[in-house]
Amino acid sequence: MRIIRSIRGLQGWRRKHENQIIGFVPTMGALHEGHFSLIRQARKHCSTVIVSIFVNPLQFGPSEDFSKYPRPVKSDQQWCRESGVDLLFCPLSEEFYPQDFQSAVSVNRLSQRWEGEARPTHFDGVTTVVTKLLNLVRPSQAYFGQKDYQQLLVIKQLVQDLNIDTKIVRCSTIRESDGLALSSRNRYLSENQRRQALGLSAALRHGVQLIKLGKQGVRGIQREMKKIATKSTGMDIEYLTICDANNLEPLTLAKGNMVLLGAARLGDIRLIDNMLVKAPKKS
């Protein structure tokens, strides 16, 4: 596995590999099984796999955990090597965003609700860094996890709008055996918080079951979900909602292809999760 840290180094490598079918997995490090599932998908379908590790300062708000975000560099590199990654790109922040850096990329409508409302500058940071990375790597396919569902849709819109010649591949959320969605931030959870965190995935599963049983009133389903999420936990719910899976618009009736989105806090730790469901056909 080759490790490249400079933009010029990556550009030079890319010019020498113009005919490669490249699969790309952008990450912020602190790798876990969710990331490795993306790498395995890329390995299965592409001749060359590139992973980037870059803790992107633009997607953190002023009160968020940028300085505390986990950075286990050596173990991340070892895991990538053992996973069959061909090239690991680890740019330096001062080169990636030099002092005179002035540009930003925005996706407007899709980024306004939910995560965009809770974290107003977040998606501009995501879309700016992803645009730069896709421009540098020029992959055939880039792999993103469903756990960040709104981010996935925003990036798909970005690629469509800017005619970027990369296919965005959605990969399923990877969960612990008890249902907790894997996240780099899970390592912050205390043993008690780890148990409490299960309330979020349990609430979403309950919502999915109610829809599959034919319940249609979204307000009622959301009330039931919130009861599950907050039962015997210290969880502070930011949102639990049911949306159109294609555009994230909130629904009043459960119909078509839907995504159930949830975000919550346990102390200083913020969790997000989602589940997809299709309304049952009427007999």
Protein backbone atom coordinates (compact mmCIF):
# COMPACT_ATOMS: atom_id res chain seq x y z
CA MET A 1 0.00 0.00 0.00
CA ARG A 2 1.30 3.41 -0.94
CA ILE A 3 0.72 6.43 1.31
CA ILE A 4 0.60 9.87 -0.31
CA ARG A 5 0.33 13.06 1.71
CA SER A 6 0.74 15.82 -0.87
CA ILE A 7 -1.74 16.99 -3.50
CA ARG A 8 1.03 17.12 -6.11
CA GLY A 9 1.99 13.55 -5.26
CA LEU A 10 -1.58 12.33 -5.74
CA GLN A 11 -1.95 14.22 -9.02
CA GLY A 12 1.30 12.71 -10.30
CA TRP A 13 0.22 9.21 -9.30
CA ARG A 14 -3.17 9.70 -10.94
CA ARG A 15 -1.64 10.79 -14.27
CA LYS A 16 0.30 7.53 -14.37
CA HIS A 17 -2.84 5.47 -13.77
CA GLU A 18 -5.30 7.00 -16.24
CA ASN A 19 -6.79 3.67 -17.34
CA GLN A 20 -7.45 2.25 -13.88
CA ILE A 21 -10.99 1.52 -12.67
CA ILE A 22 -10.68 3.30 -9.35
CA GLY A 23 -12.92 2.81 -6.34
CA PHE A 24 -12.71 5.57 -3.74
CA VAL A 25 -13.65 5.54 -0.05
CA PRO A 26 -13.36 9.00 1.57
CA THR A 27 -13.13 8.88 5.37
CA MET A 28 -12.18 10.97 8.39
CA GLY A 29 -10.27 8.04 9.89
CA ALA A 30 -11.01 6.28 13.19
CA LEU A 31 -11.90 3.38 10.91
CA HIS A 32 -14.37 0.67 11.91
CA GLU A 33 -16.21 -2.21 10.29
CA GLY A 34 -18.55 0.21 8.52
CA HIS A 35 -15.60 1.69 6.63
CA PHE A 36 -14.18 -1.74 5.88
CA SER A 37 -17.48 -2.81 4.34
CA LEU A 38 -17.12 0.12 1.91
CA ILE A 39 -13.54 -0.91 1.13
CA ARG A 40 -14.67 -4.49 0.45
CA GLN A 41 -17.33 -3.25 -1.96
CA ALA A 42 -14.77 -1.12 -3.77
CA ARG A 43 -12.32 -4.04 -3.87
CA LYS A 44 -15.00 -6.28 -5.39
CA HIS A 45 -15.83 -3.97 -8.29
CA CYS A 46 -12.69 -1.94 -9.00
CA SER A 47 -9.11 -2.71 -10.02
CA THR A 48 -7.63 -0.07 -7.70
CA VAL A 49 -8.90 1.10 -4.30
CA ILE A 50 -8.04 4.51 -2.85
CA VAL A 51 -8.97 5.54 0.68
CA SER A 52 -8.59 9.08 1.99
CA ILE A 53 -8.22 9.97 5.65
CA PHE A 54 -8.79 13.65 6.36
CA VAL A 55 -10.52 15.17 9.38
CA ASN A 56 -12.24 17.98 7.52
CA PRO A 57 -12.37 21.16 9.64
CA LEU A 58 -15.00 22.80 7.42
CA GLN A 59 -17.75 20.37 8.45
CA PHE A 60 -17.37 21.00 12.19
CA GLY A 61 -19.25 23.82 13.86
CA PRO A 62 -17.52 26.13 16.38
CA SER A 63 -18.81 24.16 19.38
CA GLU A 64 -18.24 20.70 17.89
CA ASP A 65 -15.53 18.13 18.53
CA PHE A 66 -12.94 18.81 15.79
CA SER A 67 -9.97 18.94 18.16
CA LYS A 68 -11.18 15.85 20.05
CA TYR A 69 -12.12 13.81 16.99
CA PRO A 70 -10.24 10.46 17.23
CA ARG A 71 -7.13 10.16 15.07
CA PRO A 72 -5.64 6.66 15.50
CA VAL A 73 -3.29 7.12 12.54
CA LYS A 74 -1.09 4.03 12.88
CA SER A 75 -3.94 1.57 13.41
CA ASP A 76 -5.94 3.13 10.55
CA GLN A 77 -2.97 2.68 8.22
CA GLN A 78 -2.52 -0.92 9.32
CA TRP A 79 -6.20 -1.72 8.83
CA CYS A 80 -6.11 -0.22 5.32
CA ARG A 81 -3.02 -2.25 4.46
CA GLU A 82 -4.64 -5.46 5.68
CA SER A 83 -7.88 -4.63 3.81
CA GLY A 84 -6.16 -4.50 0.43
CA VAL A 85 -6.15 -0.74 -0.08
CA ASP A 86 -3.80 0.24 -2.90
CA LEU A 87 -3.33 3.90 -2.05
CA LEU A 88 -3.99 5.87 1.12
CA PHE A 89 -4.28 9.65 0.69
CA CYS A 90 -3.69 11.60 3.92
CA PRO A 91 -3.48 15.28 2.99
CA LEU A 92 -2.24 17.96 5.35
CA SER A 93 -4.90 20.50 6.30
CA GLU A 94 -2.63 23.49 5.62
CA GLU A 95 -2.11 22.32 2.04
CA PHE A 96 -5.68 21.22 1.45
CA TYR A 97 -7.01 24.55 2.72
CA PRO A 98 -4.22 27.11 2.36
CA GLN A 99 -4.54 30.53 3.98
CA ASP A 100 -5.97 32.13 0.83
CA PHE A 101 -8.60 29.39 0.30
CA GLN A 102 -11.88 31.18 -0.56
CA SER A 103 -14.20 28.75 -2.35
CA ALA A 104 -17.22 26.78 -1.17
CA VAL A 105 -19.65 24.37 -2.80
CA SER A 106 -23.29 24.29 -1.68
CA VAL A 107 -26.27 22.05 -2.41
CA ASN A 108 -29.20 24.18 -1.38
CA ARG A 109 -32.58 22.48 -0.93
CA LEU A 110 -31.49 19.02 0.18
CA SER A 111 -29.15 20.42 2.82
CA GLN A 112 -31.62 22.77 4.54
CA ARG A 113 -33.60 20.39 6.73
CA TRP A 114 -32.65 17.93 9.49
CA GLU A 115 -28.87 17.81 9.75
CA GLY A 116 -28.63 21.11 7.90
CA GLU A 117 -30.88 22.81 10.44
CA ALA A 118 -29.12 21.22 13.42
CA ARG A 119 -25.62 21.94 12.03
CA PRO A 120 -25.95 24.98 9.73
CA THR A 121 -22.43 24.98 8.23
CA HIS A 122 -21.98 21.21 8.10
CA PHE A 123 -23.06 20.34 4.58
CA ASP A 124 -21.16 23.17 2.90
CA GLY A 125 -18.07 21.70 4.53
CA VAL A 126 -18.97 18.21 3.30
CA THR A 127 -19.74 19.24 -0.27
CA THR A 128 -16.62 21.38 -0.52
CA VAL A 129 -14.27 18.63 0.68
CA VAL A 130 -15.98 15.94 -1.42
CA THR A 131 -15.76 18.11 -4.55
CA LYS A 132 -12.05 18.62 -3.98
CA LEU A 133 -11.42 14.93 -3.31
CA LEU A 134 -13.41 13.74 -6.34
CA ASN A 135 -11.58 16.27 -8.50
CA LEU A 136 -8.21 14.97 -7.27
CA VAL A 137 -8.89 11.22 -7.25
CA ARG A 138 -11.22 11.12 -10.29
CA PRO A 139 -12.66 7.74 -9.29
CA SER A 140 -14.97 5.60 -11.37
CA GLN A 141 -17.02 4.89 -8.25
CA ALA A 142 -17.10 6.39 -4.76
CA TYR A 143 -18.58 4.50 -1.82
CA PHE A 144 -20.64 6.05 0.98
CA GLY A 145 -22.52 4.46 3.86
CA GLN A 146 -26.28 4.72 4.28
CA LYS A 147 -25.87 5.73 7.94
CA ASP A 148 -25.29 9.31 6.79
CA TYR A 149 -28.34 9.18 4.54
CA GLN A 150 -28.86 12.90 4.05
CA GLN A 151 -25.17 13.31 3.26
CA LEU A 152 -25.49 10.54 0.67
CA LEU A 153 -28.37 12.30 -1.11
CA VAL A 154 -26.58 15.65 -0.96
CA ILE A 155 -23.46 14.14 -2.55
CA LYS A 156 -25.53 12.41 -5.24
CA GLN A 157 -27.13 15.77 -6.07
CA LEU A 158 -23.71 17.44 -6.12
CA VAL A 159 -22.33 14.90 -8.59
CA GLN A 160 -25.40 15.22 -10.79
CA ASP A 161 -25.46 19.01 -10.77
CA LEU A 162 -21.74 19.46 -11.45
CA ASN A 163 -21.51 16.64 -14.03
CA ILE A 164 -18.81 14.86 -12.06
CA ASP A 165 -18.03 11.58 -13.81
CA THR A 166 -18.20 9.37 -10.71
CA LYS A 167 -20.89 6.89 -9.71
CA ILE A 168 -21.94 7.26 -6.06
CA VAL A 169 -22.58 3.85 -4.50
CA ARG A 170 -24.75 3.50 -1.40
CA CYS A 171 -23.67 0.77 1.02
CA SER A 172 -25.83 -0.57 3.84
CA THR A 173 -25.43 0.63 7.41
CA ILE A 174 -23.30 -1.76 9.46
CA ARG A 175 -24.59 -2.40 12.98
CA GLU A 176 -23.49 -4.05 16.17
CA SER A 177 -25.32 -7.28 17.04
CA ASP A 178 -27.70 -5.27 19.28
CA GLY A 179 -28.60 -2.85 16.49
CA LEU A 180 -26.41 0.17 17.25
CA ALA A 181 -25.17 1.76 14.03
CA LEU A 182 -21.38 1.82 13.87
CA SER A 183 -19.81 5.26 14.19
CA SER A 184 -16.36 6.61 14.99
CA ARG A 185 -17.97 8.59 17.81
CA ASN A 186 -19.28 5.44 19.52
CA ARG A 187 -15.91 5.09 21.23
CA TYR A 188 -16.81 8.17 23.28
CA LEU A 189 -19.82 6.44 24.87
CA SER A 190 -19.60 5.26 28.46
CA GLU A 191 -20.95 1.81 29.26
CA ASN A 192 -24.22 3.34 30.46
CA GLN A 193 -24.50 5.66 27.45
CA ARG A 194 -23.81 2.73 25.16
CA ARG A 195 -26.93 1.01 26.54
CA GLN A 196 -28.96 4.21 26.30
CA ALA A 197 -27.88 4.74 22.68
CA LEU A 198 -29.85 1.66 21.64
CA GLY A 199 -33.03 3.71 22.10
CA LEU A 200 -32.46 5.46 18.76
CA SER A 201 -32.22 2.34 16.59
CA ALA A 202 -35.04 0.72 18.59
CA ALA A 203 -37.29 3.72 17.88
CA LEU A 204 -36.57 3.57 14.16
CA ARG A 205 -37.20 -0.18 14.03
CA HIS A 206 -40.52 0.37 15.82
CA GLY A 207 -41.50 2.99 13.26
CA VAL A 208 -40.64 0.62 10.42
CA GLN A 209 -42.78 -2.11 11.98
CA LEU A 210 -45.78 0.21 12.42
CA ILE A 211 -45.57 1.21 8.75
CA LYS A 212 -45.28 -2.42 7.64
CA LEU A 213 -48.40 -3.19 9.71
CA GLY A 214 -50.27 -0.55 7.71
CA LYS A 215 -50.28 2.45 10.06
CA GLN A 216 -50.34 5.60 7.92
CA GLY A 217 -50.57 8.65 10.18
CA VAL A 218 -47.04 9.97 10.46
CA ARG A 219 -47.64 12.08 13.58
CA GLY A 220 -48.86 9.04 15.49
CA ILE A 221 -45.92 6.93 14.32
CA GLN A 222 -43.48 9.64 15.34
CA ARG A 223 -45.05 9.89 18.79
CA GLU A 224 -44.63 6.14 19.24
CA MET A 225 -41.03 6.32 18.07
CA LYS A 226 -40.24 9.09 20.54
CA LYS A 227 -41.71 7.05 23.41
CA ILE A 228 -39.37 4.19 22.55
CA ALA A 229 -36.33 6.45 22.18
CA THR A 230 -36.79 8.24 25.49
CA LYS A 231 -38.03 5.33 27.60
CA SER A 232 -35.64 4.85 30.54
CA THR A 233 -32.84 6.80 28.79
CA GLY A 234 -31.20 10.18 29.14
CA MET A 235 -31.41 10.72 25.41
CA ASP A 236 -32.21 14.21 24.12
CA ILE A 237 -34.02 13.84 20.78
CA GLU A 238 -33.21 16.45 18.11
CA TYR A 239 -35.51 14.94 15.50
CA LEU A 240 -37.33 11.71 14.69
CA THR A 241 -39.06 12.06 11.36
CA ILE A 242 -40.47 10.20 8.38
CA CYS A 243 -39.58 11.57 4.95
CA ASP A 244 -39.77 10.85 1.27
CA ALA A 245 -36.62 8.79 0.65
CA ASN A 246 -35.84 10.66 -2.57
CA ASN A 247 -35.98 14.28 -1.44
CA LEU A 248 -36.23 14.22 2.40
CA GLU A 249 -39.47 16.19 2.40
CA PRO A 250 -41.53 15.40 5.54
CA LEU A 251 -44.66 13.31 5.05
CA THR A 252 -48.06 13.44 6.72
CA LEU A 253 -49.05 9.97 5.51
CA ALA A 254 -46.79 6.95 5.22
CA LYS A 255 -46.60 6.24 1.50
CA GLY A 256 -44.12 5.20 -1.17
CA ASN A 257 -40.42 4.87 -0.41
CA MET A 258 -39.61 6.44 2.94
CA VAL A 259 -36.64 7.04 5.18
CA LEU A 260 -37.00 7.31 8.95
CA LEU A 261 -34.37 9.75 10.21
CA GLY A 262 -33.24 10.25 13.78
CA ALA A 263 -30.70 12.36 15.65
CA ALA A 264 -30.16 12.52 19.39
CA ARG A 265 -27.65 13.52 22.04
CA LEU A 266 -26.31 11.66 25.01
CA GLY A 267 -24.41 14.28 26.94
CA ASP A 268 -21.89 15.78 24.51
CA ILE A 269 -22.14 12.87 22.07
CA ARG A 270 -24.38 13.21 19.05
CA LEU A 271 -25.83 10.14 17.33
CA ILE A 272 -27.61 9.81 13.98
CA ASP A 273 -29.31 6.84 12.37
CA ASN A 274 -31.90 6.01 9.73
CA MET A 275 -33.87 3.15 8.22
CA LEU A 276 -35.53 2.74 4.84
CA VAL A 277 -39.02 1.33 4.43
CA LYS A 278 -41.61 1.00 1.68
CA ALA A 279 -45.32 1.37 2.39
CA PRO A 280 -47.17 -1.95 2.04
CA LYS A 281 -49.37 -2.38 -0.99
CA LYS A 282 -53.07 -2.06 -0.31
CA SER A 283 -54.96 -5.28 -0.83
